[in-house]
Amino acid sequence: MAFSRVRLGKIWPWAKTAAQSAGIATAADVTTQWFMNKGNVPEIATSKAGVSTNLDMRRAASIGAFGFFYSGGLQRLIYQKFDASFGTKATMQVVAKKVAADSFLHGPILYVPAFYMVTGLLQGKSLDEAFGRLCVMYKDTVATYLMIWPAAMFGLFWAVPESRRIVTLACLAFGEKAVYSMMELNRQNSSELVVSVDVRIDEVQKFAALEVNSVASEKEALASGGFQEGLIWIS
């Protein structure tokens, strides 16, 4: 019994922090989806209760799950490893090493690929589809990561205690997840627009072909009718 309490005492702070991270990440995606869909009010589907159903909750849940397991678990372990490797003193040299390791190793090599692969698979995409999504979004996401995080990480490693890092990071990541969600939703909307235009062009081309065939058929019918009248007149 005492052993279980000790284990619970060790696990609970991690689980609590991970749950907070998940909640903030989910809220960021839901908020972004809501704002992105505000301009399409006439197209919003509503349930019988009158509640908007246009939000992709599976997508939001996948980002929440990533926030729980990666940000609340693995990322915390990685930052503890930074402490062990570079030290815990809040000096310019120590903090700069941690920021560099996060910006140029952790972010591009682990965080960004894990984000798109994990959330893609949780959203029901195949392995190839999730990897394709990563390839499409990777360059822009890493560029955004490098714009958002170095300064924030400097403050995080400089002033925030280890036990509060993940919650603080999750609060800062609200904006980051919103930006990533907006980038992907914009890309999806652009793709859907291109598909819609292609379909419309295809429909117009088919309609034009039908009109041409119809005109040709009418001409053939008129010609055939005139030829038959000529034969009758000769007879």
C-alpha atoms as a PDB file:
ATOM      1  CA  MET A   1       0.000   0.000   0.000  1.00  0.00           C
ATOM      2  CA  ALA A   2       2.782   2.397   0.926  1.00  0.00           C
ATOM      3  CA  PHE A   3       4.628   1.439  -2.280  1.00  0.00           C
ATOM      4  CA  SER A   4       1.506   2.246  -4.355  1.00  0.00           C
ATOM      5  CA  ARG A   5       1.222   5.634  -2.689  1.00  0.00           C
ATOM      6  CA  VAL A   6       4.863   6.358  -3.442  1.00  0.00           C
ATOM      7  CA  ARG A   7       4.367   5.409  -7.088  1.00  0.00           C
ATOM      8  CA  LEU A   8       1.213   7.490  -7.292  1.00  0.00           C
ATOM      9  CA  GLY A   9       3.049  10.394  -5.711  1.00  0.00           C
ATOM     10  CA  LYS A  10       5.680  10.207  -8.445  1.00  0.00           C
ATOM     11  CA  ILE A  11       3.276   9.624 -11.338  1.00  0.00           C
ATOM     12  CA  TRP A  12       0.585  12.113 -10.371  1.00  0.00           C
ATOM     13  CA  PRO A  13       2.609  15.328 -10.960  1.00  0.00           C
ATOM     14  CA  TRP A  14       3.617  14.081 -14.413  1.00  0.00           C
ATOM     15  CA  ALA A  15       0.074  12.998 -15.283  1.00  0.00           C
ATOM     16  CA  LYS A  16      -1.370  16.297 -14.054  1.00  0.00           C
ATOM     17  CA  THR A  17       1.108  18.302 -16.112  1.00  0.00           C
ATOM     18  CA  ALA A  18       0.521  16.118 -19.168  1.00  0.00           C
ATOM     19  CA  ALA A  19      -3.256  16.528 -18.826  1.00  0.00           C
ATOM     20  CA  GLN A  20      -2.885  20.306 -18.636  1.00  0.00           C
ATOM     21  CA  SER A  21      -0.695  20.234 -21.737  1.00  0.00           C
ATOM     22  CA  ALA A  22      -3.288  18.108 -23.570  1.00  0.00           C
ATOM     23  CA  GLY A  23      -6.146  20.409 -22.604  1.00  0.00           C
ATOM     24  CA  ILE A  24      -4.319  23.530 -23.775  1.00  0.00           C
ATOM     25  CA  ALA A  25      -3.284  21.912 -27.085  1.00  0.00           C
ATOM     26  CA  THR A  26      -6.859  20.739 -27.743  1.00  0.00           C
ATOM     27  CA  ALA A  27      -8.250  24.180 -26.928  1.00  0.00           C
ATOM     28  CA  ALA A  28      -5.775  25.781 -29.334  1.00  0.00           C
ATOM     29  CA  ASP A  29      -6.891  23.600 -32.246  1.00  0.00           C
ATOM     30  CA  VAL A  30     -10.620  23.940 -31.489  1.00  0.00           C
ATOM     31  CA  THR A  31     -10.263  27.719 -31.208  1.00  0.00           C
ATOM     32  CA  THR A  32      -8.381  27.879 -34.504  1.00  0.00           C
ATOM     33  CA  GLN A  33     -10.945  25.708 -36.295  1.00  0.00           C
ATOM     34  CA  TRP A  34     -13.751  27.892 -34.965  1.00  0.00           C
ATOM     35  CA  PHE A  35     -12.098  31.127 -36.125  1.00  0.00           C
ATOM     36  CA  MET A  36     -11.202  29.648 -39.516  1.00  0.00           C
ATOM     37  CA  ASN A  37     -14.832  28.590 -40.050  1.00  0.00           C
ATOM     38  CA  LYS A  38     -16.412  31.866 -38.899  1.00  0.00           C
ATOM     39  CA  GLY A  39     -16.514  33.178 -42.423  1.00  0.00           C
ATOM     40  CA  ASN A  40     -18.483  30.139 -43.609  1.00  0.00           C
ATOM     41  CA  VAL A  41     -21.490  30.526 -41.338  1.00  0.00           C
ATOM     42  CA  PRO A  42     -24.073  29.657 -44.020  1.00  0.00           C
ATOM     43  CA  GLU A  43     -22.257  26.375 -44.649  1.00  0.00           C
ATOM     44  CA  ILE A  44     -21.964  25.352 -41.018  1.00  0.00           C
ATOM     45  CA  ALA A  45     -23.825  22.132 -40.312  1.00  0.00           C
ATOM     46  CA  THR A  46     -25.802  22.051 -37.086  1.00  0.00           C
ATOM     47  CA  SER A  47     -27.130  19.189 -35.042  1.00  0.00           C
ATOM     48  CA  LYS A  48     -30.762  18.852 -33.922  1.00  0.00           C
ATOM     49  CA  ALA A  49     -29.799  20.619 -30.725  1.00  0.00           C
ATOM     50  CA  GLY A  50     -28.593  23.576 -32.789  1.00  0.00           C
ATOM     51  CA  VAL A  51     -24.921  23.001 -31.927  1.00  0.00           C
ATOM     52  CA  SER A  52     -22.387  23.564 -34.656  1.00  0.00           C
ATOM     53  CA  THR A  53     -20.935  20.262 -35.886  1.00  0.00           C
ATOM     54  CA  ASN A  54     -18.380  21.621 -38.347  1.00  0.00           C
ATOM     55  CA  LEU A  55     -15.465  21.163 -35.919  1.00  0.00           C
ATOM     56  CA  ASP A  56     -13.184  18.206 -36.567  1.00  0.00           C
ATOM     57  CA  MET A  57     -13.055  16.832 -33.040  1.00  0.00           C
ATOM     58  CA  ARG A  58     -10.952  13.835 -34.051  1.00  0.00           C
ATOM     59  CA  ARG A  59      -8.296  16.228 -35.269  1.00  0.00           C
ATOM     60  CA  ALA A  60      -8.512  18.230 -32.018  1.00  0.00           C
ATOM     61  CA  ALA A  61      -8.336  15.014 -29.971  1.00  0.00           C
ATOM     62  CA  SER A  62      -5.231  13.880 -31.885  1.00  0.00           C
ATOM     63  CA  ILE A  63      -3.466  17.137 -31.060  1.00  0.00           C
ATOM     64  CA  GLY A  64      -4.564  16.792 -27.428  1.00  0.00           C
ATOM     65  CA  ALA A  65      -3.177  13.250 -27.303  1.00  0.00           C
ATOM     66  CA  PHE A  66       0.121  14.497 -28.731  1.00  0.00           C
ATOM     67  CA  GLY A  67       0.170  17.189 -26.056  1.00  0.00           C
ATOM     68  CA  PHE A  68      -0.358  14.572 -23.359  1.00  0.00           C
ATOM     69  CA  PHE A  69       2.139  11.911 -24.396  1.00  0.00           C
ATOM     70  CA  TYR A  70       4.838  13.879 -26.218  1.00  0.00           C
ATOM     71  CA  SER A  71       4.778  17.341 -24.658  1.00  0.00           C
ATOM     72  CA  GLY A  72       3.783  16.099 -21.224  1.00  0.00           C
ATOM     73  CA  GLY A  73       6.063  13.057 -21.230  1.00  0.00           C
ATOM     74  CA  LEU A  74       8.853  12.673 -23.773  1.00  0.00           C
ATOM     75  CA  GLN A  75       9.574  16.387 -24.146  1.00  0.00           C
ATOM     76  CA  ARG A  76       9.925  16.785 -20.401  1.00  0.00           C
ATOM     77  CA  LEU A  77      12.410  13.906 -20.329  1.00  0.00           C
ATOM     78  CA  ILE A  78      14.364  15.514 -23.183  1.00  0.00           C
ATOM     79  CA  TYR A  79      14.604  18.802 -21.302  1.00  0.00           C
ATOM     80  CA  GLN A  80      15.713  16.976 -18.173  1.00  0.00           C
ATOM     81  CA  LYS A  81      18.433  15.439 -20.334  1.00  0.00           C
ATOM     82  CA  PHE A  82      19.415  18.964 -21.394  1.00  0.00           C
ATOM     83  CA  ASP A  83      19.767  19.850 -17.707  1.00  0.00           C
ATOM     84  CA  ALA A  84      21.930  16.804 -17.105  1.00  0.00           C
ATOM     85  CA  SER A  85      24.121  17.489 -20.166  1.00  0.00           C
ATOM     86  CA  PHE A  86      24.504  21.262 -20.030  1.00  0.00           C
ATOM     87  CA  GLY A  87      23.847  22.053 -16.377  1.00  0.00           C
ATOM     88  CA  THR A  88      21.062  23.764 -14.463  1.00  0.00           C
ATOM     89  CA  LYS A  89      22.646  27.178 -13.860  1.00  0.00           C
ATOM     90  CA  ALA A  90      20.838  30.162 -15.360  1.00  0.00           C
ATOM     91  CA  THR A  91      23.875  31.526 -17.157  1.00  0.00           C
ATOM     92  CA  MET A  92      24.052  32.812 -20.706  1.00  0.00           C
ATOM     93  CA  GLN A  93      26.324  29.979 -21.823  1.00  0.00           C
ATOM     94  CA  VAL A  94      24.218  27.166 -20.334  1.00  0.00           C
ATOM     95  CA  VAL A  95      20.897  28.552 -21.540  1.00  0.00           C
ATOM     96  CA  ALA A  96      22.260  29.262 -25.039  1.00  0.00           C
ATOM     97  CA  LYS A  97      23.376  25.619 -25.378  1.00  0.00           C
ATOM     98  CA  LYS A  98      19.912  24.380 -24.390  1.00  0.00           C
ATOM     99  CA  VAL A  99      18.207  26.762 -26.815  1.00  0.00           C
ATOM    100  CA  ALA A 100      20.535  25.679 -29.630  1.00  0.00           C
ATOM    101  CA  ALA A 101      19.914  21.991 -28.875  1.00  0.00           C
ATOM    102  CA  ASP A 102      16.169  22.536 -28.881  1.00  0.00           C
ATOM    103  CA  SER A 103      16.091  24.724 -32.006  1.00  0.00           C
ATOM    104  CA  PHE A 104      18.421  22.730 -34.239  1.00  0.00           C
ATOM    105  CA  LEU A 105      18.177  19.154 -32.910  1.00  0.00           C
ATOM    106  CA  HIS A 106      15.032  18.482 -30.923  1.00  0.00           C
ATOM    107  CA  GLY A 107      12.631  20.610 -33.008  1.00  0.00           C
ATOM    108  CA  PRO A 108      13.542  19.640 -36.597  1.00  0.00           C
ATOM    109  CA  ILE A 109      14.568  16.030 -35.897  1.00  0.00           C
ATOM    110  CA  LEU A 110      12.048  14.873 -33.279  1.00  0.00           C
ATOM    111  CA  TYR A 111       9.278  17.320 -32.485  1.00  0.00           C
ATOM    112  CA  VAL A 112       8.014  18.313 -35.937  1.00  0.00           C
ATOM    113  CA  PRO A 113       8.159  14.813 -37.498  1.00  0.00           C
ATOM    114  CA  ALA A 114       6.522  13.301 -34.396  1.00  0.00           C
ATOM    115  CA  PHE A 115       3.780  15.942 -34.435  1.00  0.00           C
ATOM    116  CA  TYR A 116       2.665  15.243 -38.006  1.00  0.00           C
ATOM    117  CA  MET A 117       3.165  11.468 -37.920  1.00  0.00           C
ATOM    118  CA  VAL A 118       1.414  10.901 -34.581  1.00  0.00           C
ATOM    119  CA  THR A 119      -1.503  13.263 -35.184  1.00  0.00           C
ATOM    120  CA  GLY A 120      -1.882  11.992 -38.749  1.00  0.00           C
ATOM    121  CA  LEU A 121      -2.097   8.347 -37.665  1.00  0.00           C
ATOM    122  CA  LEU A 122      -4.511   9.217 -34.847  1.00  0.00           C
ATOM    123  CA  GLN A 123      -6.711  11.012 -37.388  1.00  0.00           C
ATOM    124  CA  GLY A 124      -7.048   7.780 -39.351  1.00  0.00           C
ATOM    125  CA  LYS A 125      -4.489   8.445 -42.065  1.00  0.00           C
ATOM    126  CA  SER A 126      -2.329   5.637 -43.388  1.00  0.00           C
ATOM    127  CA  LEU A 127       1.414   5.629 -42.753  1.00  0.00           C
ATOM    128  CA  ASP A 128       2.063   6.860 -46.300  1.00  0.00           C
ATOM    129  CA  GLU A 129      -0.560   9.611 -45.968  1.00  0.00           C
ATOM    130  CA  ALA A 130       0.855  10.764 -42.637  1.00  0.00           C
ATOM    131  CA  PHE A 131       4.373  10.828 -44.096  1.00  0.00           C
ATOM    132  CA  GLY A 132       3.147  12.734 -47.143  1.00  0.00           C
ATOM    133  CA  ARG A 133       1.502  15.269 -44.834  1.00  0.00           C
ATOM    134  CA  LEU A 134       4.813  15.630 -42.969  1.00  0.00           C
ATOM    135  CA  CYS A 135       6.722  16.192 -46.210  1.00  0.00           C
ATOM    136  CA  VAL A 136       4.260  18.857 -47.355  1.00  0.00           C
ATOM    137  CA  MET A 137       4.235  20.746 -44.043  1.00  0.00           C
ATOM    138  CA  TYR A 138       7.805  20.153 -42.817  1.00  0.00           C
ATOM    139  CA  LYS A 139       9.642  23.157 -44.309  1.00  0.00           C
ATOM    140  CA  ASP A 140       7.050  25.759 -43.300  1.00  0.00           C
ATOM    141  CA  THR A 141       6.607  24.239 -39.841  1.00  0.00           C
ATOM    142  CA  VAL A 142      10.332  24.177 -39.041  1.00  0.00           C
ATOM    143  CA  ALA A 143      10.644  27.766 -40.259  1.00  0.00           C
ATOM    144  CA  THR A 144       7.755  28.753 -37.992  1.00  0.00           C
ATOM    145  CA  TYR A 145       9.303  26.811 -35.096  1.00  0.00           C
ATOM    146  CA  LEU A 146      12.559  28.724 -35.497  1.00  0.00           C
ATOM    147  CA  MET A 147      10.687  32.024 -35.530  1.00  0.00           C
ATOM    148  CA  ILE A 148       8.548  31.260 -32.469  1.00  0.00           C
ATOM    149  CA  TRP A 149      10.619  29.244 -30.038  1.00  0.00           C
ATOM    150  CA  PRO A 150      14.257  30.368 -29.565  1.00  0.00           C
ATOM    151  CA  ALA A 151      13.367  33.531 -27.617  1.00  0.00           C
ATOM    152  CA  ALA A 152      10.611  31.730 -25.683  1.00  0.00           C
ATOM    153  CA  MET A 153      12.959  28.860 -24.872  1.00  0.00           C
ATOM    154  CA  PHE A 154      15.598  31.244 -23.649  1.00  0.00           C
ATOM    155  CA  GLY A 155      13.137  32.638 -21.098  1.00  0.00           C
ATOM    156  CA  LEU A 156      11.915  29.138 -20.246  1.00  0.00           C
ATOM    157  CA  PHE A 157      15.374  27.726 -19.496  1.00  0.00           C
ATOM    158  CA  TRP A 158      16.482  30.936 -17.822  1.00  0.00           C
ATOM    159  CA  ALA A 159      13.655  31.575 -15.363  1.00  0.00           C
ATOM    160  CA  VAL A 160      11.100  28.735 -15.166  1.00  0.00           C
ATOM    161  CA  PRO A 161      11.606  25.872 -12.675  1.00  0.00           C
ATOM    162  CA  GLU A 162      11.706  22.377 -14.170  1.00  0.00           C
ATOM    163  CA  SER A 163       8.431  21.342 -12.555  1.00  0.00           C
ATOM    164  CA  ARG A 164       6.598  24.244 -14.229  1.00  0.00           C
ATOM    165  CA  ARG A 165       8.249  24.103 -17.642  1.00  0.00           C
ATOM    166  CA  ILE A 166       5.715  21.912 -19.433  1.00  0.00           C
ATOM    167  CA  VAL A 167       2.665  23.881 -18.296  1.00  0.00           C
ATOM    168  CA  THR A 168       4.407  27.135 -19.205  1.00  0.00           C
ATOM    169  CA  LEU A 169       5.442  25.591 -22.512  1.00  0.00           C
ATOM    170  CA  ALA A 170       1.869  24.439 -23.151  1.00  0.00           C
ATOM    171  CA  CYS A 171       0.551  27.950 -22.551  1.00  0.00           C
ATOM    172  CA  LEU A 172       3.119  29.355 -24.980  1.00  0.00           C
ATOM    173  CA  ALA A 173       2.344  26.505 -27.380  1.00  0.00           C
ATOM    174  CA  PHE A 174      -1.312  27.580 -27.521  1.00  0.00           C
ATOM    175  CA  GLY A 175      -0.235  30.149 -30.086  1.00  0.00           C
ATOM    176  CA  GLU A 176       2.132  27.698 -31.784  1.00  0.00           C
ATOM    177  CA  LYS A 177      -0.538  25.005 -32.197  1.00  0.00           C
ATOM    178  CA  ALA A 178      -2.949  27.661 -33.446  1.00  0.00           C
ATOM    179  CA  VAL A 179      -0.399  28.728 -36.079  1.00  0.00           C
ATOM    180  CA  TYR A 180       0.260  25.102 -37.156  1.00  0.00           C
ATOM    181  CA  SER A 181      -3.482  24.396 -37.327  1.00  0.00           C
ATOM    182  CA  MET A 182      -4.064  27.565 -39.362  1.00  0.00           C
ATOM    183  CA  MET A 183      -1.252  26.660 -41.758  1.00  0.00           C
ATOM    184  CA  GLU A 184      -2.676  23.205 -42.372  1.00  0.00           C
ATOM    185  CA  LEU A 185      -6.298  24.349 -42.606  1.00  0.00           C
ATOM    186  CA  ASN A 186      -5.305  27.048 -45.112  1.00  0.00           C
ATOM    187  CA  ARG A 187      -3.449  24.454 -47.167  1.00  0.00           C
ATOM    188  CA  GLN A 188      -6.453  22.097 -47.014  1.00  0.00           C
ATOM    189  CA  ASN A 189      -8.823  24.879 -48.048  1.00  0.00           C
ATOM    190  CA  SER A 190      -6.523  25.799 -50.945  1.00  0.00           C
ATOM    191  CA  SER A 191      -6.421  22.162 -52.064  1.00  0.00           C
ATOM    192  CA  GLU A 192     -10.197  21.889 -51.834  1.00  0.00           C
ATOM    193  CA  LEU A 193     -10.549  25.098 -53.874  1.00  0.00           C
ATOM    194  CA  VAL A 194      -8.237  23.756 -56.570  1.00  0.00           C
ATOM    195  CA  VAL A 195     -10.187  20.481 -56.681  1.00  0.00           C
ATOM    196  CA  SER A 196     -13.457  22.421 -56.859  1.00  0.00           C
ATOM    197  CA  VAL A 197     -12.161  24.549 -59.733  1.00  0.00           C
ATOM    198  CA  ASP A 198     -10.862  21.460 -61.555  1.00  0.00           C
ATOM    199  CA  VAL A 199     -14.231  19.752 -61.146  1.00  0.00           C
ATOM    200  CA  ARG A 200     -16.032  22.858 -62.415  1.00  0.00           C
ATOM    201  CA  ILE A 201     -13.728  23.114 -65.429  1.00  0.00           C
ATOM    202  CA  ASP A 202     -14.298  19.418 -66.137  1.00  0.00           C
ATOM    203  CA  GLU A 203     -18.050  19.944 -65.952  1.00  0.00           C
ATOM    204  CA  VAL A 204     -17.852  22.919 -68.326  1.00  0.00           C
ATOM    205  CA  GLN A 205     -15.721  20.927 -70.766  1.00  0.00           C
ATOM    206  CA  LYS A 206     -18.171  18.018 -70.676  1.00  0.00           C
ATOM    207  CA  PHE A 207     -21.087  20.402 -71.200  1.00  0.00           C
ATOM    208  CA  ALA A 208     -19.310  22.061 -74.128  1.00  0.00           C
ATOM    209  CA  ALA A 209     -18.581  18.659 -75.666  1.00  0.00           C
ATOM    210  CA  LEU A 210     -22.239  17.681 -75.347  1.00  0.00           C
ATOM    211  CA  GLU A 211     -23.278  20.960 -76.974  1.00  0.00           C
ATOM    212  CA  VAL A 212     -20.854  20.379 -79.868  1.00  0.00           C
ATOM    213  CA  ASN A 213     -22.098  16.825 -80.336  1.00  0.00           C
ATOM    214  CA  SER A 214     -25.674  18.049 -80.182  1.00  0.00           C
ATOM    215  CA  VAL A 215     -25.065  20.716 -82.835  1.00  0.00           C
ATOM    216  CA  ALA A 216     -23.231  18.193 -85.012  1.00  0.00           C
ATOM    217  CA  SER A 217     -26.127  15.738 -84.675  1.00  0.00           C
ATOM    218  CA  GLU A 218     -28.631  18.419 -85.638  1.00  0.00           C
ATOM    219  CA  LYS A 219     -26.565  19.346 -88.703  1.00  0.00           C
ATOM    220  CA  GLU A 220     -26.338  15.699 -89.725  1.00  0.00           C
ATOM    221  CA  ALA A 221     -30.081  15.325 -89.243  1.00  0.00           C
ATOM    222  CA  LEU A 222     -30.806  18.426 -91.336  1.00  0.00           C
ATOM    223  CA  ALA A 223     -28.413  17.290 -94.033  1.00  0.00           C
ATOM    224  CA  SER A 224     -29.924  13.824 -94.077  1.00  0.00           C
ATOM    225  CA  GLY A 225     -33.422  15.289 -94.238  1.00  0.00           C
ATOM    226  CA  GLY A 226     -32.519  17.585 -97.142  1.00  0.00           C
ATOM    227  CA  PHE A 227     -30.933  14.707 -99.060  1.00  0.00           C
ATOM    228  CA  GLN A 228     -34.042  12.575 -98.621  1.00  0.00           C
ATOM    229  CA  GLU A 229     -36.275  15.454 -99.793  1.00  0.00           C
ATOM    230  CA  GLY A 230     -34.068  15.817-102.868  1.00  0.00           C
ATOM    231  CA  LEU A 231     -34.483  12.136-103.728  1.00  0.00           C
ATOM    232  CA  ILE A 232     -38.228  12.385-103.320  1.00  0.00           C
ATOM    233  CA  TRP A 233     -38.341  15.463-105.598  1.00  0.00           C
ATOM    234  CA  ILE A 234     -36.257  13.681-108.266  1.00  0.00           C
ATOM    235  CA  SER A 235     -38.536  10.633-108.073  1.00  0.00           C
END
